[in-house]
Amino acid sequence: MLKAQGCALVAQQLINVGIQTSKDDKAESEGRRAWNSVYGLGNVTWSYTRMLLGHQDVKADRMILRFVRSAFDADGIGATANAKVARSVVIAAAKDLDVEPVTLDHAIWQHQRRL
């Protein structure tokens, strides 16, 4: 499927559940389900789209996963971070550091890009 087709499908899905803007009350819960119902779209693209719309979120893409997994290895945690865990860890770290999650996401991405 072309990206444009995915965009058209997800736009229709969001309209079908009554979501007109990202500020609609049900945008987070029902919007995520509508988004994920379209082949090729998932939680990472949902989070990234929300970030682009000004919401505080973290997209647990390969750069974020690599960073969190590396941190877990360095600290001897021994746990494996999946996307859900990585997103939660970065959001919690942002709170501890008193920065917005989007800011920390971007900083991690820039750091990982240089490796």
C-alpha atoms as a PDB file:
ATOM      1  CA  MET A   1       0.000   0.000   0.000  1.00  0.00           C
ATOM      2  CA  LEU A   2       1.240   3.493  -0.788  1.00  0.00           C
ATOM      3  CA  LYS A   3       1.698   5.944   2.080  1.00  0.00           C
ATOM      4  CA  ALA A   4      -0.945   8.192   0.554  1.00  0.00           C
ATOM      5  CA  GLN A   5      -3.407   5.297   0.579  1.00  0.00           C
ATOM      6  CA  GLY A   6      -2.620   4.626   4.235  1.00  0.00           C
ATOM      7  CA  CYS A   7      -3.191   8.295   5.041  1.00  0.00           C
ATOM      8  CA  ALA A   8      -6.540   8.296   3.269  1.00  0.00           C
ATOM      9  CA  LEU A   9      -7.619   5.090   5.024  1.00  0.00           C
ATOM     10  CA  VAL A  10      -6.646   6.282   8.474  1.00  0.00           C
ATOM     11  CA  ALA A  11      -8.309   9.655   7.901  1.00  0.00           C
ATOM     12  CA  GLN A  12     -11.530   7.839   7.036  1.00  0.00           C
ATOM     13  CA  GLN A  13     -11.180   5.560  10.077  1.00  0.00           C
ATOM     14  CA  LEU A  14     -10.718   8.565  12.367  1.00  0.00           C
ATOM     15  CA  ILE A  15     -13.759  10.286  10.878  1.00  0.00           C
ATOM     16  CA  ASN A  16     -15.766   7.064  11.263  1.00  0.00           C
ATOM     17  CA  VAL A  17     -15.154   7.068  15.027  1.00  0.00           C
ATOM     18  CA  GLY A  18     -16.004  10.768  15.266  1.00  0.00           C
ATOM     19  CA  ILE A  19     -12.533  12.248  15.586  1.00  0.00           C
ATOM     20  CA  GLN A  20     -12.156  15.557  13.768  1.00  0.00           C
ATOM     21  CA  THR A  21      -9.036  16.966  15.469  1.00  0.00           C
ATOM     22  CA  SER A  22      -6.218  15.708  17.686  1.00  0.00           C
ATOM     23  CA  LYS A  23      -7.830  17.562  20.578  1.00  0.00           C
ATOM     24  CA  ASP A  24     -11.029  15.469  20.518  1.00  0.00           C
ATOM     25  CA  ASP A  25     -11.636  13.726  23.844  1.00  0.00           C
ATOM     26  CA  LYS A  26     -11.577  10.244  22.380  1.00  0.00           C
ATOM     27  CA  ALA A  27      -8.547  10.862  20.136  1.00  0.00           C
ATOM     28  CA  GLU A  28      -6.152   8.944  22.392  1.00  0.00           C
ATOM     29  CA  SER A  29      -8.120   5.749  22.953  1.00  0.00           C
ATOM     30  CA  GLU A  30     -10.384   5.381  19.932  1.00  0.00           C
ATOM     31  CA  GLY A  31      -7.960   7.246  17.704  1.00  0.00           C
ATOM     32  CA  ARG A  32      -5.159   4.817  18.495  1.00  0.00           C
ATOM     33  CA  ARG A  33      -7.426   1.852  17.710  1.00  0.00           C
ATOM     34  CA  ALA A  34      -8.534   3.433  14.417  1.00  0.00           C
ATOM     35  CA  TRP A  35      -4.922   4.214  13.539  1.00  0.00           C
ATOM     36  CA  ASN A  36      -3.709   0.708  14.314  1.00  0.00           C
ATOM     37  CA  SER A  37      -6.512  -0.808  12.231  1.00  0.00           C
ATOM     38  CA  VAL A  38      -4.772   0.367   9.051  1.00  0.00           C
ATOM     39  CA  TYR A  39      -2.126  -1.999   7.682  1.00  0.00           C
ATOM     40  CA  GLY A  40       1.350  -0.486   8.047  1.00  0.00           C
ATOM     41  CA  LEU A  41       0.422   1.922  10.825  1.00  0.00           C
ATOM     42  CA  GLY A  42       1.131   1.135  14.440  1.00  0.00           C
ATOM     43  CA  ASN A  43       2.044   2.531  17.820  1.00  0.00           C
ATOM     44  CA  VAL A  44       5.328   4.102  16.700  1.00  0.00           C
ATOM     45  CA  THR A  45       3.737   6.056  13.858  1.00  0.00           C
ATOM     46  CA  TRP A  46       0.808   6.948  16.136  1.00  0.00           C
ATOM     47  CA  SER A  47       3.161   8.381  18.762  1.00  0.00           C
ATOM     48  CA  TYR A  48       5.209  10.222  16.160  1.00  0.00           C
ATOM     49  CA  THR A  49       2.120  11.745  14.567  1.00  0.00           C
ATOM     50  CA  ARG A  50       0.930  12.888  18.004  1.00  0.00           C
ATOM     51  CA  MET A  51       4.359  14.426  18.638  1.00  0.00           C
ATOM     52  CA  LEU A  52       4.148  16.314  15.350  1.00  0.00           C
ATOM     53  CA  LEU A  53       0.729  17.596  16.446  1.00  0.00           C
ATOM     54  CA  GLY A  54       2.227  19.024  19.647  1.00  0.00           C
ATOM     55  CA  HIS A  55       1.410  16.253  22.127  1.00  0.00           C
ATOM     56  CA  GLN A  56       4.049  15.085  24.579  1.00  0.00           C
ATOM     57  CA  ASP A  57       4.895  11.528  23.625  1.00  0.00           C
ATOM     58  CA  VAL A  58       7.816   9.264  22.737  1.00  0.00           C
ATOM     59  CA  LYS A  59       8.082   7.197  19.568  1.00  0.00           C
ATOM     60  CA  ALA A  60       9.774   3.941  20.494  1.00  0.00           C
ATOM     61  CA  ASP A  61      11.497   3.486  17.142  1.00  0.00           C
ATOM     62  CA  ARG A  62      14.783   1.668  16.529  1.00  0.00           C
ATOM     63  CA  MET A  63      16.880   4.578  17.845  1.00  0.00           C
ATOM     64  CA  ILE A  64      14.976   4.785  21.136  1.00  0.00           C
ATOM     65  CA  LEU A  65      14.987   0.996  21.505  1.00  0.00           C
ATOM     66  CA  ARG A  66      18.729   0.805  20.854  1.00  0.00           C
ATOM     67  CA  PHE A  67      19.405   3.542  23.416  1.00  0.00           C
ATOM     68  CA  VAL A  68      17.241   2.003  26.152  1.00  0.00           C
ATOM     69  CA  ARG A  69      18.594  -1.483  25.520  1.00  0.00           C
ATOM     70  CA  SER A  70      22.130  -0.129  25.701  1.00  0.00           C
ATOM     71  CA  ALA A  71      21.331   1.613  28.983  1.00  0.00           C
ATOM     72  CA  PHE A  72      19.848  -1.589  30.381  1.00  0.00           C
ATOM     73  CA  ASP A  73      22.984  -3.512  29.368  1.00  0.00           C
ATOM     74  CA  ALA A  74      25.311  -0.867  30.855  1.00  0.00           C
ATOM     75  CA  ASP A  75      23.409  -0.900  34.150  1.00  0.00           C
ATOM     76  CA  GLY A  76      23.329  -4.679  34.274  1.00  0.00           C
ATOM     77  CA  ILE A  77      19.534  -4.696  34.428  1.00  0.00           C
ATOM     78  CA  GLY A  78      19.416  -7.760  32.230  1.00  0.00           C
ATOM     79  CA  ALA A  79      15.943  -6.931  30.944  1.00  0.00           C
ATOM     80  CA  THR A  80      15.049  -6.677  27.294  1.00  0.00           C
ATOM     81  CA  ALA A  81      13.197  -3.531  26.354  1.00  0.00           C
ATOM     82  CA  ASN A  82      10.375  -3.796  23.873  1.00  0.00           C
ATOM     83  CA  ALA A  83       8.732  -0.697  22.402  1.00  0.00           C
ATOM     84  CA  LYS A  84       6.236  -0.360  25.257  1.00  0.00           C
ATOM     85  CA  VAL A  85       8.944  -0.597  27.924  1.00  0.00           C
ATOM     86  CA  ALA A  86      11.278   1.762  26.065  1.00  0.00           C
ATOM     87  CA  ARG A  87       8.526   4.374  25.671  1.00  0.00           C
ATOM     88  CA  SER A  88       7.672   4.160  29.383  1.00  0.00           C
ATOM     89  CA  VAL A  89      11.332   4.393  30.427  1.00  0.00           C
ATOM     90  CA  VAL A  90      11.958   7.487  28.312  1.00  0.00           C
ATOM     91  CA  ILE A  91       8.773   9.170  29.555  1.00  0.00           C
ATOM     92  CA  ALA A  92       9.766   8.420  33.170  1.00  0.00           C
ATOM     93  CA  ALA A  93      13.319   9.656  32.559  1.00  0.00           C
ATOM     94  CA  ALA A  94      11.988  12.872  31.034  1.00  0.00           C
ATOM     95  CA  LYS A  95       9.906  13.449  34.149  1.00  0.00           C
ATOM     96  CA  ASP A  96      12.920  12.795  36.399  1.00  0.00           C
ATOM     97  CA  LEU A  97      15.052  15.150  34.288  1.00  0.00           C
ATOM     98  CA  ASP A  98      12.282  17.771  34.244  1.00  0.00           C
ATOM     99  CA  VAL A  99      12.209  17.942  30.447  1.00  0.00           C
ATOM    100  CA  GLU A 100       9.419  17.268  28.002  1.00  0.00           C
ATOM    101  CA  PRO A 101       9.300  13.724  26.606  1.00  0.00           C
ATOM    102  CA  VAL A 102       9.537  15.073  23.058  1.00  0.00           C
ATOM    103  CA  THR A 103      12.751  16.911  23.963  1.00  0.00           C
ATOM    104  CA  LEU A 104      14.328  13.778  25.431  1.00  0.00           C
ATOM    105  CA  ASP A 105      13.165  11.678  22.476  1.00  0.00           C
ATOM    106  CA  HIS A 106      14.842  14.126  20.111  1.00  0.00           C
ATOM    107  CA  ALA A 107      18.058  14.244  22.160  1.00  0.00           C
ATOM    108  CA  ILE A 108      18.263  10.440  22.236  1.00  0.00           C
ATOM    109  CA  TRP A 109      17.638  10.287  18.505  1.00  0.00           C
ATOM    110  CA  GLN A 110      20.387  12.837  17.811  1.00  0.00           C
ATOM    111  CA  HIS A 111      22.799  10.946  20.084  1.00  0.00           C
ATOM    112  CA  GLN A 112      22.046   7.597  18.464  1.00  0.00           C
ATOM    113  CA  ARG A 113      22.436   9.091  15.001  1.00  0.00           C
ATOM    114  CA  ARG A 114      26.065   9.919  15.748  1.00  0.00           C
ATOM    115  CA  LEU A 115      26.968   6.355  16.771  1.00  0.00           C
END
